[in-house]
Amino acid sequence: MGVRWQSVWKLVAGVACAAGCGRIAFEDRARPDDAGADAAGDVAPGVTCWPAWRTGALSFGIAVPITELAAVDKQGNPWLTADGRTLYYDTGTGDTEILRAARGGPGQPFGSPAPLAELSSPLEDGGFVMAASELVAVMSSTRAGSSGFDLWQTARASTSDLFGAPTRTEFAAIDDAFNQFDGFLTPDGLRVYFSSSAATGQVLRQASRASTTDVFGAPTQIPGTGTFSVEADPDLSPDELVLVFSANNPLQLFAAIRPSTAAPFGAPFALSAIVGPSYDADPALSANGCELVFISNRGGDRDLYLATVNP
C-alpha cells in the first residue's frame, strides 16, 4: 500500500467517526473541450476559489476518476504543481515509486505517466511535493537509512535537471523512531507540514527553517488539530489559512480554516458531498483552490479522483 495509506490503516481500526457537514452542492465536471477552461475547468483565468474555502460555503462538481491514469497498482499521494500542468503521485504495493504526468492545462486530460527514476529505491518512495521553485522537494521513504517512514529532501539546480540523491539531514529534528510521512512544503520551502504516528494515534505536525538549505527545527503539533485519533495527509493553501486533510475510520476528507498563520485552525468540517462509500484520503489542492485531487477506493481499487470547486 502507499506511504500514507499503509501507515494510517495500521492505526485507524476502531476509531469512531465524528464528522461534521460542509455546505456543498453538485455540478458536472467541465470537460477538456470546454471553452475558456482554466484551473477548475469552467473557472475564468485569474479567478480563485479560496474565498469559498475560507467561508466553508463550498460547491463541488461531481468527483470523477482520472481514468487516463488508472492502473492495476494502487495509487496514492497526488500533488499538483503551481501551474496545474503536472501531477506527481506514487503507485505500487510494497515498493511504491513516484510518477509524474503532464497535461496541456487544468481541466485537460493527463498524458502517460513517467517514473522519477532518479528517486527510486527498492523500498517505499512516495509523498513527493515541491516548493514553488520546483528546485527543492520533500518525499517520504523507507529506503536504507530510514527508521520506518522518514522525510527526505532532494534538490536540483534547474527544472531541466534530475533531482539529486535524497538526504535526511534537513529532518534530523523530525525523523524519529515513529513514522513521518505526508510531507507538504510551503511555496517558499521554509515550512513543512506532515503527519506522524505515535503510540496514541496519528497527529499533524509542522516545522520551520530559515532557508531551504537549513535543517528544520523541532516540530510542533499544528495548532487547532487533534480532533480525531488519526489525522493524516495535510495540504494547505499558499497562504496557509486553509487546511485539508484526511481523518477517521474509514478515512474521509476534512477542511479547517484560520484567520491568520498566528491563529489555530478552527473546528474541522467534512467535505461530505464528495465522500465515497468507503474511504477517501490524500487530498491535493491546485494553487487557486479550484481543483481537488484525492485518492478513493469507491471504484473498487485505490485510484486518483478529481473534483472541481466553484469560486
C-alpha atoms as a PDB file:
ATOM      1  CA  MET A   1       0.000   0.000   0.000  1.00  0.00           C
ATOM      2  CA  GLY A   2       1.085   3.594  -0.447  1.00  0.00           C
ATOM      3  CA  VAL A   3       3.008   5.716   2.023  1.00  0.00           C
ATOM      4  CA  ARG A   4       0.080   7.367   3.754  1.00  0.00           C
ATOM      5  CA  TRP A   5      -2.418   4.563   3.481  1.00  0.00           C
ATOM      6  CA  GLN A   6      -0.126   1.786   4.641  1.00  0.00           C
ATOM      7  CA  SER A   7       0.821   3.542   7.841  1.00  0.00           C
ATOM      8  CA  VAL A   8      -2.578   5.093   8.538  1.00  0.00           C
ATOM      9  CA  TRP A   9      -4.521   1.869   8.269  1.00  0.00           C
ATOM     10  CA  LYS A  10      -2.394   0.304  10.997  1.00  0.00           C
ATOM     11  CA  LEU A  11      -3.876   2.930  13.305  1.00  0.00           C
ATOM     12  CA  VAL A  12      -7.457   3.545  12.225  1.00  0.00           C
ATOM     13  CA  ALA A  13      -9.076   0.301  13.326  1.00  0.00           C
ATOM     14  CA  GLY A  14     -11.642   1.001  15.995  1.00  0.00           C
ATOM     15  CA  VAL A  15     -11.529   4.795  15.686  1.00  0.00           C
ATOM     16  CA  ALA A  16     -15.051   6.187  15.866  1.00  0.00           C
ATOM     17  CA  CYS A  17     -16.412   8.636  13.270  1.00  0.00           C
ATOM     18  CA  ALA A  18     -17.131  12.204  14.373  1.00  0.00           C
ATOM     19  CA  ALA A  19     -17.709  14.022  11.085  1.00  0.00           C
ATOM     20  CA  GLY A  20     -19.300  17.401  10.573  1.00  0.00           C
ATOM     21  CA  CYS A  21     -21.062  18.554   7.407  1.00  0.00           C
ATOM     22  CA  GLY A  22     -19.938  21.165   4.905  1.00  0.00           C
ATOM     23  CA  ARG A  23     -22.415  23.182   2.835  1.00  0.00           C
ATOM     24  CA  ILE A  24     -21.715  21.573  -0.507  1.00  0.00           C
ATOM     25  CA  ALA A  25     -23.660  21.264  -3.774  1.00  0.00           C
ATOM     26  CA  PHE A  26     -23.052  19.386  -7.039  1.00  0.00           C
ATOM     27  CA  GLU A  27     -22.448  20.226 -10.667  1.00  0.00           C
ATOM     28  CA  ASP A  28     -20.939  18.368 -13.622  1.00  0.00           C
ATOM     29  CA  ARG A  29     -17.192  18.468 -14.056  1.00  0.00           C
ATOM     30  CA  ALA A  30     -16.069  20.539 -17.029  1.00  0.00           C
ATOM     31  CA  ARG A  31     -14.649  18.519 -19.911  1.00  0.00           C
ATOM     32  CA  PRO A  32     -11.326  19.130 -21.691  1.00  0.00           C
ATOM     33  CA  ASP A  33     -13.052  20.746 -24.681  1.00  0.00           C
ATOM     34  CA  ASP A  34     -14.887  23.378 -22.636  1.00  0.00           C
ATOM     35  CA  ALA A  35     -14.094  26.842 -23.979  1.00  0.00           C
ATOM     36  CA  GLY A  36     -12.079  29.050 -21.677  1.00  0.00           C
ATOM     37  CA  ALA A  37     -11.382  26.288 -19.211  1.00  0.00           C
ATOM     38  CA  ASP A  38      -8.905  27.240 -16.525  1.00  0.00           C
ATOM     39  CA  ALA A  39      -7.960  25.748 -13.159  1.00  0.00           C
ATOM     40  CA  ALA A  40     -11.392  24.281 -12.439  1.00  0.00           C
ATOM     41  CA  GLY A  41     -12.497  23.595 -15.986  1.00  0.00           C
ATOM     42  CA  ASP A  42     -15.019  26.452 -16.256  1.00  0.00           C
ATOM     43  CA  VAL A  43     -13.316  28.937 -13.921  1.00  0.00           C
ATOM     44  CA  ALA A  44     -12.123  32.058 -15.726  1.00  0.00           C
ATOM     45  CA  PRO A  45      -8.390  32.870 -15.752  1.00  0.00           C
ATOM     46  CA  GLY A  46      -7.336  34.774 -12.647  1.00  0.00           C
ATOM     47  CA  VAL A  47     -10.292  33.588 -10.560  1.00  0.00           C
ATOM     48  CA  THR A  48      -9.548  31.741  -7.325  1.00  0.00           C
ATOM     49  CA  CYS A  49     -11.720  29.543  -5.166  1.00  0.00           C
ATOM     50  CA  TRP A  50     -10.062  30.360  -1.847  1.00  0.00           C
ATOM     51  CA  PRO A  51     -12.848  32.733  -0.721  1.00  0.00           C
ATOM     52  CA  ALA A  52     -15.279  29.794  -0.879  1.00  0.00           C
ATOM     53  CA  TRP A  53     -12.886  27.638   1.141  1.00  0.00           C
ATOM     54  CA  ARG A  54     -12.451  30.356   3.769  1.00  0.00           C
ATOM     55  CA  THR A  55     -16.188  30.663   4.337  1.00  0.00           C
ATOM     56  CA  GLY A  56     -16.865  26.936   4.187  1.00  0.00           C
ATOM     57  CA  ALA A  57     -19.660  27.610   1.674  1.00  0.00           C
ATOM     58  CA  LEU A  58     -18.236  25.170  -0.853  1.00  0.00           C
ATOM     59  CA  SER A  59     -19.877  23.966  -4.049  1.00  0.00           C
ATOM     60  CA  PHE A  60     -18.163  20.974  -5.653  1.00  0.00           C
ATOM     61  CA  GLY A  61     -18.513  19.330  -9.018  1.00  0.00           C
ATOM     62  CA  ILE A  62     -19.041  15.590  -9.035  1.00  0.00           C
ATOM     63  CA  ALA A  63     -15.845  13.743  -8.152  1.00  0.00           C
ATOM     64  CA  VAL A  64     -14.728  11.694 -11.150  1.00  0.00           C
ATOM     65  CA  PRO A  65     -11.880   9.213 -11.621  1.00  0.00           C
ATOM     66  CA  ILE A  66      -8.810  10.333 -13.540  1.00  0.00           C
ATOM     67  CA  THR A  67      -9.306   7.404 -15.875  1.00  0.00           C
ATOM     68  CA  GLU A  68      -6.322   8.114 -18.097  1.00  0.00           C
ATOM     69  CA  LEU A  69      -4.035   7.408 -15.116  1.00  0.00           C
ATOM     70  CA  ALA A  70      -5.910   4.362 -13.826  1.00  0.00           C
ATOM     71  CA  ALA A  71      -3.678   1.335 -13.228  1.00  0.00           C
ATOM     72  CA  VAL A  72      -3.737  -2.103 -11.655  1.00  0.00           C
ATOM     73  CA  ASP A  73      -1.382  -0.914  -8.897  1.00  0.00           C
ATOM     74  CA  LYS A  74      -2.761   1.164  -6.050  1.00  0.00           C
ATOM     75  CA  GLN A  75      -2.194   4.916  -6.287  1.00  0.00           C
ATOM     76  CA  GLY A  76      -1.521   7.500  -3.607  1.00  0.00           C
ATOM     77  CA  ASN A  77      -0.222  10.911  -2.564  1.00  0.00           C
ATOM     78  CA  PRO A  78      -1.108  13.181  -5.508  1.00  0.00           C
ATOM     79  CA  TRP A  79       0.386  16.663  -5.706  1.00  0.00           C
ATOM     80  CA  LEU A  80      -0.112  19.362  -8.393  1.00  0.00           C
ATOM     81  CA  THR A  81       2.479  21.895  -9.487  1.00  0.00           C
ATOM     82  CA  ALA A  82       1.561  25.574  -9.124  1.00  0.00           C
ATOM     83  CA  ASP A  83       0.614  25.906 -12.803  1.00  0.00           C
ATOM     84  CA  GLY A  84      -1.642  22.868 -12.552  1.00  0.00           C
ATOM     85  CA  ARG A  85       0.046  21.188 -15.501  1.00  0.00           C
ATOM     86  CA  THR A  86       1.938  18.392 -13.768  1.00  0.00           C
ATOM     87  CA  LEU A  87       0.671  15.829 -11.295  1.00  0.00           C
ATOM     88  CA  TYR A  88       3.029  13.806  -9.109  1.00  0.00           C
ATOM     89  CA  TYR A  89       1.795  10.686  -7.324  1.00  0.00           C
ATOM     90  CA  ASP A  90       3.016   7.271  -6.248  1.00  0.00           C
ATOM     91  CA  THR A  91       1.915   3.799  -7.201  1.00  0.00           C
ATOM     92  CA  GLY A  92       2.640   0.221  -6.198  1.00  0.00           C
ATOM     93  CA  THR A  93       2.273  -2.205  -3.310  1.00  0.00           C
ATOM     94  CA  GLY A  94       5.274  -2.839  -1.077  1.00  0.00           C
ATOM     95  CA  ASP A  95       7.650  -0.979  -3.427  1.00  0.00           C
ATOM     96  CA  THR A  96       5.930   2.297  -4.269  1.00  0.00           C
ATOM     97  CA  GLU A  97       7.500   4.521  -6.901  1.00  0.00           C
ATOM     98  CA  ILE A  98       6.968   8.198  -7.747  1.00  0.00           C
ATOM     99  CA  LEU A  99       5.386   9.041 -11.105  1.00  0.00           C
ATOM    100  CA  ARG A 100       4.584  12.290 -12.861  1.00  0.00           C
ATOM    101  CA  ALA A 101       2.045  13.021 -15.590  1.00  0.00           C
ATOM    102  CA  ALA A 102       1.625  16.240 -17.571  1.00  0.00           C
ATOM    103  CA  ARG A 103      -1.340  17.892 -19.270  1.00  0.00           C
ATOM    104  CA  GLY A 104      -1.817  20.894 -21.520  1.00  0.00           C
ATOM    105  CA  GLY A 105      -3.576  22.828 -18.791  1.00  0.00           C
ATOM    106  CA  PRO A 106      -6.034  22.498 -15.904  1.00  0.00           C
ATOM    107  CA  GLY A 107      -9.228  20.728 -16.941  1.00  0.00           C
ATOM    108  CA  GLN A 108      -7.464  18.746 -19.672  1.00  0.00           C
ATOM    109  CA  PRO A 109      -6.538  15.030 -19.590  1.00  0.00           C
ATOM    110  CA  PHE A 110      -3.136  13.888 -18.411  1.00  0.00           C
ATOM    111  CA  GLY A 111      -0.648  12.192 -20.676  1.00  0.00           C
ATOM    112  CA  SER A 112       1.129   8.924 -19.974  1.00  0.00           C
ATOM    113  CA  PRO A 113       2.911   8.896 -16.593  1.00  0.00           C
ATOM    114  CA  ALA A 114       6.685   8.552 -16.301  1.00  0.00           C
ATOM    115  CA  PRO A 115       8.705   7.485 -13.251  1.00  0.00           C
ATOM    116  CA  LEU A 116      11.151   9.736 -11.402  1.00  0.00           C
ATOM    117  CA  ALA A 117      13.807   7.077 -11.818  1.00  0.00           C
ATOM    118  CA  GLU A 118      16.475   9.106 -10.030  1.00  0.00           C
ATOM    119  CA  LEU A 119      14.436   8.899  -6.801  1.00  0.00           C
ATOM    120  CA  SER A 120      13.673   5.200  -6.994  1.00  0.00           C
ATOM    121  CA  SER A 121      14.783   2.679  -4.378  1.00  0.00           C
ATOM    122  CA  PRO A 122      13.975  -0.988  -3.667  1.00  0.00           C
ATOM    123  CA  LEU A 123      11.635   0.089  -0.854  1.00  0.00           C
ATOM    124  CA  GLU A 124       8.787   2.597  -0.389  1.00  0.00           C
ATOM    125  CA  ASP A 125       9.128   6.028  -2.017  1.00  0.00           C
ATOM    126  CA  GLY A 126       6.259   8.486  -2.282  1.00  0.00           C
ATOM    127  CA  GLY A 127       4.565  11.591  -0.958  1.00  0.00           C
ATOM    128  CA  PHE A 128       6.568  13.810  -3.325  1.00  0.00           C
ATOM    129  CA  VAL A 129       5.955  17.595  -3.073  1.00  0.00           C
ATOM    130  CA  MET A 130       7.983  20.630  -4.168  1.00  0.00           C
ATOM    131  CA  ALA A 131       8.451  24.254  -3.228  1.00  0.00           C
ATOM    132  CA  ALA A 132       7.181  26.786  -5.790  1.00  0.00           C
ATOM    133  CA  SER A 133      10.634  26.997  -7.383  1.00  0.00           C
ATOM    134  CA  GLU A 134      10.414  23.264  -8.206  1.00  0.00           C
ATOM    135  CA  LEU A 135      14.076  23.031  -7.182  1.00  0.00           C
ATOM    136  CA  VAL A 136      13.557  21.630  -3.680  1.00  0.00           C
ATOM    137  CA  ALA A 137      11.332  18.667  -2.854  1.00  0.00           C
ATOM    138  CA  VAL A 138      10.321  16.539   0.110  1.00  0.00           C
ATOM    139  CA  MET A 139       9.351  12.886  -0.017  1.00  0.00           C
ATOM    140  CA  SER A 140       8.686  10.043   2.411  1.00  0.00           C
ATOM    141  CA  SER A 141      10.609   6.803   2.158  1.00  0.00           C
ATOM    142  CA  THR A 142      11.590   3.612   3.933  1.00  0.00           C
ATOM    143  CA  ARG A 143      14.825   3.405   1.935  1.00  0.00           C
ATOM    144  CA  ALA A 144      18.123   2.457   3.583  1.00  0.00           C
ATOM    145  CA  GLY A 145      18.891   4.832   6.442  1.00  0.00           C
ATOM    146  CA  SER A 146      15.249   5.249   7.455  1.00  0.00           C
ATOM    147  CA  SER A 147      13.644   4.145  10.685  1.00  0.00           C
ATOM    148  CA  GLY A 148      10.277   3.218   9.239  1.00  0.00           C
ATOM    149  CA  PHE A 149       8.885   6.028   7.086  1.00  0.00           C
ATOM    150  CA  ASP A 150      11.055   9.163   7.260  1.00  0.00           C
ATOM    151  CA  LEU A 151      11.031  12.510   5.495  1.00  0.00           C
ATOM    152  CA  TRP A 152      13.814  13.104   2.960  1.00  0.00           C
ATOM    153  CA  GLN A 153      14.797  16.159   0.928  1.00  0.00           C
ATOM    154  CA  THR A 154      16.061  16.277  -2.627  1.00  0.00           C
ATOM    155  CA  ALA A 155      17.130  19.229  -4.774  1.00  0.00           C
ATOM    156  CA  ARG A 156      18.268  20.167  -8.262  1.00  0.00           C
ATOM    157  CA  ALA A 157      19.990  23.161  -9.854  1.00  0.00           C
ATOM    158  CA  SER A 158      17.330  23.829 -12.515  1.00  0.00           C
ATOM    159  CA  THR A 159      13.957  22.441 -13.549  1.00  0.00           C
ATOM    160  CA  SER A 160      15.619  20.726 -16.511  1.00  0.00           C
ATOM    161  CA  ASP A 161      17.966  18.757 -14.230  1.00  0.00           C
ATOM    162  CA  LEU A 162      17.394  15.463 -12.459  1.00  0.00           C
ATOM    163  CA  PHE A 163      16.938  15.516  -8.695  1.00  0.00           C
ATOM    164  CA  GLY A 164      19.943  14.659  -6.572  1.00  0.00           C
ATOM    165  CA  ALA A 165      20.212  11.860  -4.047  1.00  0.00           C
ATOM    166  CA  PRO A 166      17.720  12.394  -1.179  1.00  0.00           C
ATOM    167  CA  THR A 167      19.106  13.275   2.263  1.00  0.00           C
ATOM    168  CA  ARG A 168      17.699  13.144   5.794  1.00  0.00           C
ATOM    169  CA  THR A 169      19.994  15.838   7.208  1.00  0.00           C
ATOM    170  CA  GLU A 170      17.322  18.525   6.966  1.00  0.00           C
ATOM    171  CA  PHE A 171      14.969  16.444   9.134  1.00  0.00           C
ATOM    172  CA  ALA A 172      17.329  15.472  11.956  1.00  0.00           C
ATOM    173  CA  ALA A 173      14.993  17.101  14.497  1.00  0.00           C
ATOM    174  CA  ILE A 174      11.908  15.475  12.938  1.00  0.00           C
ATOM    175  CA  ASP A 175      12.679  11.906  11.906  1.00  0.00           C
ATOM    176  CA  ASP A 176      12.470   9.591  14.903  1.00  0.00           C
ATOM    177  CA  ALA A 177      11.501   6.029  15.791  1.00  0.00           C
ATOM    178  CA  PHE A 178       7.909   6.681  14.682  1.00  0.00           C
ATOM    179  CA  ASN A 179       6.718   7.156  11.099  1.00  0.00           C
ATOM    180  CA  GLN A 180       6.829  10.548   9.399  1.00  0.00           C
ATOM    181  CA  PHE A 181       5.017  10.933   6.103  1.00  0.00           C
ATOM    182  CA  ASP A 182       2.557  13.088   4.115  1.00  0.00           C
ATOM    183  CA  GLY A 183       5.002  15.994   3.876  1.00  0.00           C
ATOM    184  CA  PHE A 184       3.735  19.310   2.474  1.00  0.00           C
ATOM    185  CA  LEU A 185       6.158  22.156   1.704  1.00  0.00           C
ATOM    186  CA  THR A 186       5.050  25.772   1.717  1.00  0.00           C
ATOM    187  CA  PRO A 187       5.764  27.625  -1.556  1.00  0.00           C
ATOM    188  CA  ASP A 188       8.936  29.184  -0.099  1.00  0.00           C
ATOM    189  CA  GLY A 189      10.124  25.795   1.161  1.00  0.00           C
ATOM    190  CA  LEU A 190      10.602  27.141   4.694  1.00  0.00           C
ATOM    191  CA  ARG A 191       7.839  25.220   6.465  1.00  0.00           C
ATOM    192  CA  VAL A 192       6.904  21.577   6.293  1.00  0.00           C
ATOM    193  CA  TYR A 193       3.601  20.145   7.428  1.00  0.00           C
ATOM    194  CA  PHE A 194       3.375  16.389   7.880  1.00  0.00           C
ATOM    195  CA  SER A 195       1.729  13.551   9.762  1.00  0.00           C
ATOM    196  CA  SER A 196       3.457  11.475  12.392  1.00  0.00           C
ATOM    197  CA  SER A 197       2.486   8.211  14.016  1.00  0.00           C
ATOM    198  CA  ALA A 198       2.659   7.878  17.775  1.00  0.00           C
ATOM    199  CA  ALA A 199       1.654   5.404  20.456  1.00  0.00           C
ATOM    200  CA  THR A 200      -1.669   7.218  20.883  1.00  0.00           C
ATOM    201  CA  GLY A 201      -2.587   7.598  17.206  1.00  0.00           C
ATOM    202  CA  GLN A 202      -1.502   9.832  14.344  1.00  0.00           C
ATOM    203  CA  VAL A 203      -1.067  13.602  14.526  1.00  0.00           C
ATOM    204  CA  LEU A 204      -0.430  16.539  12.207  1.00  0.00           C
ATOM    205  CA  ARG A 205       2.763  18.499  12.842  1.00  0.00           C
ATOM    206  CA  GLN A 206       4.745  21.404  11.433  1.00  0.00           C
ATOM    207  CA  ALA A 207       8.331  22.660  11.496  1.00  0.00           C
ATOM    208  CA  SER A 208      10.184  25.695  10.139  1.00  0.00           C
ATOM    209  CA  ARG A 209      13.650  26.716   8.963  1.00  0.00           C
ATOM    210  CA  ALA A 210      15.466  29.858   7.826  1.00  0.00           C
ATOM    211  CA  SER A 211      16.402  28.742   4.288  1.00  0.00           C
ATOM    212  CA  THR A 212      15.888  25.756   2.017  1.00  0.00           C
ATOM    213  CA  THR A 213      19.433  24.559   2.757  1.00  0.00           C
ATOM    214  CA  ASP A 214      18.961  24.686   6.549  1.00  0.00           C
ATOM    215  CA  VAL A 215      17.687  21.948   8.815  1.00  0.00           C
ATOM    216  CA  PHE A 216      14.167  22.154  10.166  1.00  0.00           C
ATOM    217  CA  GLY A 217      13.634  22.972  13.811  1.00  0.00           C
ATOM    218  CA  ALA A 218      11.834  20.809  16.324  1.00  0.00           C
ATOM    219  CA  PRO A 219       8.273  20.015  15.188  1.00  0.00           C
ATOM    220  CA  THR A 220       5.097  21.050  16.973  1.00  0.00           C
ATOM    221  CA  GLN A 221       1.511  19.917  16.535  1.00  0.00           C
ATOM    222  CA  ILE A 222      -0.419  22.074  14.065  1.00  0.00           C
ATOM    223  CA  PRO A 223      -2.473  24.403  16.301  1.00  0.00           C
ATOM    224  CA  GLY A 224      -6.151  23.530  16.318  1.00  0.00           C
ATOM    225  CA  THR A 225      -5.719  19.959  15.081  1.00  0.00           C
ATOM    226  CA  GLY A 226      -6.199  16.809  17.140  1.00  0.00           C
ATOM    227  CA  THR A 227      -9.970  16.414  16.868  1.00  0.00           C
ATOM    228  CA  PHE A 228      -9.549  12.837  15.631  1.00  0.00           C
ATOM    229  CA  SER A 229      -7.367   9.971  16.837  1.00  0.00           C
ATOM    230  CA  VAL A 230      -5.991   9.572  13.315  1.00  0.00           C
ATOM    231  CA  GLU A 231      -5.210  12.641  11.204  1.00  0.00           C
ATOM    232  CA  ALA A 232      -3.143  12.478   8.018  1.00  0.00           C
ATOM    233  CA  ASP A 233      -2.368  13.991   4.618  1.00  0.00           C
ATOM    234  CA  PRO A 234      -2.136  17.746   5.325  1.00  0.00           C
ATOM    235  CA  ASP A 235      -2.349  20.050   2.305  1.00  0.00           C
ATOM    236  CA  LEU A 236      -2.639  23.835   2.623  1.00  0.00           C
ATOM    237  CA  SER A 237      -3.496  26.930   0.644  1.00  0.00           C
ATOM    238  CA  PRO A 238      -0.500  29.055  -0.411  1.00  0.00           C
ATOM    239  CA  ASP A 239      -1.225  31.485   2.458  1.00  0.00           C
ATOM    240  CA  GLU A 240      -1.552  28.569   4.925  1.00  0.00           C
ATOM    241  CA  LEU A 241      -5.010  29.661   6.055  1.00  0.00           C
ATOM    242  CA  VAL A 242      -6.888  26.657   4.626  1.00  0.00           C
ATOM    243  CA  LEU A 243      -6.008  23.119   5.689  1.00  0.00           C
ATOM    244  CA  VAL A 244      -7.403  19.992   4.056  1.00  0.00           C
ATOM    245  CA  PHE A 245      -6.600  16.562   5.470  1.00  0.00           C
ATOM    246  CA  SER A 246      -7.973  13.066   5.977  1.00  0.00           C
ATOM    247  CA  ALA A 247      -9.119  11.551   9.267  1.00  0.00           C
ATOM    248  CA  ASN A 248     -11.356   8.964  10.882  1.00  0.00           C
ATOM    249  CA  ASN A 249     -12.193   5.333  10.229  1.00  0.00           C
ATOM    250  CA  PRO A 250     -12.816   4.943   7.371  1.00  0.00           C
ATOM    251  CA  LEU A 251     -10.610   7.799   6.236  1.00  0.00           C
ATOM    252  CA  GLN A 252     -12.568  10.775   4.890  1.00  0.00           C
ATOM    253  CA  LEU A 253     -11.743  14.316   3.765  1.00  0.00           C
ATOM    254  CA  PHE A 254     -11.952  17.324   6.067  1.00  0.00           C
ATOM    255  CA  ALA A 255     -11.023  21.009   5.950  1.00  0.00           C
ATOM    256  CA  ALA A 256     -10.306  23.673   8.550  1.00  0.00           C
ATOM    257  CA  ILE A 257      -9.639  27.397   8.296  1.00  0.00           C
ATOM    258  CA  ARG A 258      -7.959  30.098  10.366  1.00  0.00           C
ATOM    259  CA  PRO A 259      -7.843  33.914  10.146  1.00  0.00           C
ATOM    260  CA  SER A 260      -4.035  34.173  10.246  1.00  0.00           C
ATOM    261  CA  THR A 261      -0.965  31.958  10.474  1.00  0.00           C
ATOM    262  CA  ALA A 262      -0.605  33.035  14.120  1.00  0.00           C
ATOM    263  CA  ALA A 263      -4.038  31.611  14.970  1.00  0.00           C
ATOM    264  CA  PRO A 264      -5.058  27.970  15.455  1.00  0.00           C
ATOM    265  CA  PHE A 265      -7.271  26.282  12.889  1.00  0.00           C
ATOM    266  CA  GLY A 266     -10.960  26.222  13.676  1.00  0.00           C
ATOM    267  CA  ALA A 267     -13.166  23.166  14.008  1.00  0.00           C
ATOM    268  CA  PRO A 268     -12.795  20.839  11.024  1.00  0.00           C
ATOM    269  CA  PHE A 269     -15.745  20.253   8.700  1.00  0.00           C
ATOM    270  CA  ALA A 270     -16.277  17.257   6.445  1.00  0.00           C
ATOM    271  CA  LEU A 271     -16.221  17.560   2.663  1.00  0.00           C
ATOM    272  CA  SER A 272     -19.336  15.441   2.819  1.00  0.00           C
ATOM    273  CA  ALA A 273     -20.572  15.901  -0.759  1.00  0.00           C
ATOM    274  CA  ILE A 274     -17.561  14.115  -2.218  1.00  0.00           C
ATOM    275  CA  VAL A 275     -17.339  11.367   0.389  1.00  0.00           C
ATOM    276  CA  GLY A 276     -17.346   7.900  -1.157  1.00  0.00           C
ATOM    277  CA  PRO A 277     -18.951   4.718   0.196  1.00  0.00           C
ATOM    278  CA  SER A 278     -15.735   3.568   1.853  1.00  0.00           C
ATOM    279  CA  TYR A 279     -12.657   5.804   2.168  1.00  0.00           C
ATOM    280  CA  ASP A 280     -11.092   8.916   0.649  1.00  0.00           C
ATOM    281  CA  ALA A 281      -7.714  10.432   1.526  1.00  0.00           C
ATOM    282  CA  ASP A 282      -4.550  12.145   0.240  1.00  0.00           C
ATOM    283  CA  PRO A 283      -6.137  15.492  -0.753  1.00  0.00           C
ATOM    284  CA  ALA A 284      -4.123  17.828  -3.008  1.00  0.00           C
ATOM    285  CA  LEU A 285      -5.365  21.302  -3.926  1.00  0.00           C
ATOM    286  CA  SER A 286      -4.468  23.303  -7.007  1.00  0.00           C
ATOM    287  CA  ALA A 287      -2.741  26.636  -6.411  1.00  0.00           C
ATOM    288  CA  ASN A 288      -6.002  28.562  -6.861  1.00  0.00           C
ATOM    289  CA  GLY A 289      -8.071  26.112  -4.810  1.00  0.00           C
ATOM    290  CA  CYS A 290     -10.333  25.225  -7.734  1.00  0.00           C
ATOM    291  CA  GLU A 291      -9.259  21.609  -8.182  1.00  0.00           C
ATOM    292  CA  LEU A 292      -9.070  18.904  -5.540  1.00  0.00           C
ATOM    293  CA  VAL A 293      -7.256  15.684  -6.426  1.00  0.00           C
ATOM    294  CA  PHE A 294      -7.541  12.815  -3.964  1.00  0.00           C
ATOM    295  CA  ILE A 295      -7.458   9.043  -3.597  1.00  0.00           C
ATOM    296  CA  SER A 296     -10.572   6.894  -3.252  1.00  0.00           C
ATOM    297  CA  ASN A 297     -11.463   3.219  -3.374  1.00  0.00           C
ATOM    298  CA  ARG A 298     -15.056   3.901  -4.441  1.00  0.00           C
ATOM    299  CA  GLY A 299     -14.339   2.245  -7.792  1.00  0.00           C
ATOM    300  CA  GLY A 300     -13.071  -0.944  -6.162  1.00  0.00           C
ATOM    301  CA  ASP A 301      -9.375  -0.049  -6.069  1.00  0.00           C
ATOM    302  CA  ARG A 302      -7.351   2.868  -4.730  1.00  0.00           C
ATOM    303  CA  ASP A 303      -7.337   5.343  -7.636  1.00  0.00           C
ATOM    304  CA  LEU A 304      -6.953   9.049  -8.374  1.00  0.00           C
ATOM    305  CA  TYR A 305     -10.100  11.197  -8.400  1.00  0.00           C
ATOM    306  CA  LEU A 306     -10.671  14.874  -9.171  1.00  0.00           C
ATOM    307  CA  ALA A 307     -13.378  17.258  -8.024  1.00  0.00           C
ATOM    308  CA  THR A 308     -13.708  20.879  -9.130  1.00  0.00           C
ATOM    309  CA  VAL A 309     -14.688  23.724  -6.829  1.00  0.00           C
ATOM    310  CA  ASN A 310     -16.899  26.664  -7.728  1.00  0.00           C
ATOM    311  CA  PRO A 311     -15.474  30.088  -6.816  1.00  0.00           C
END
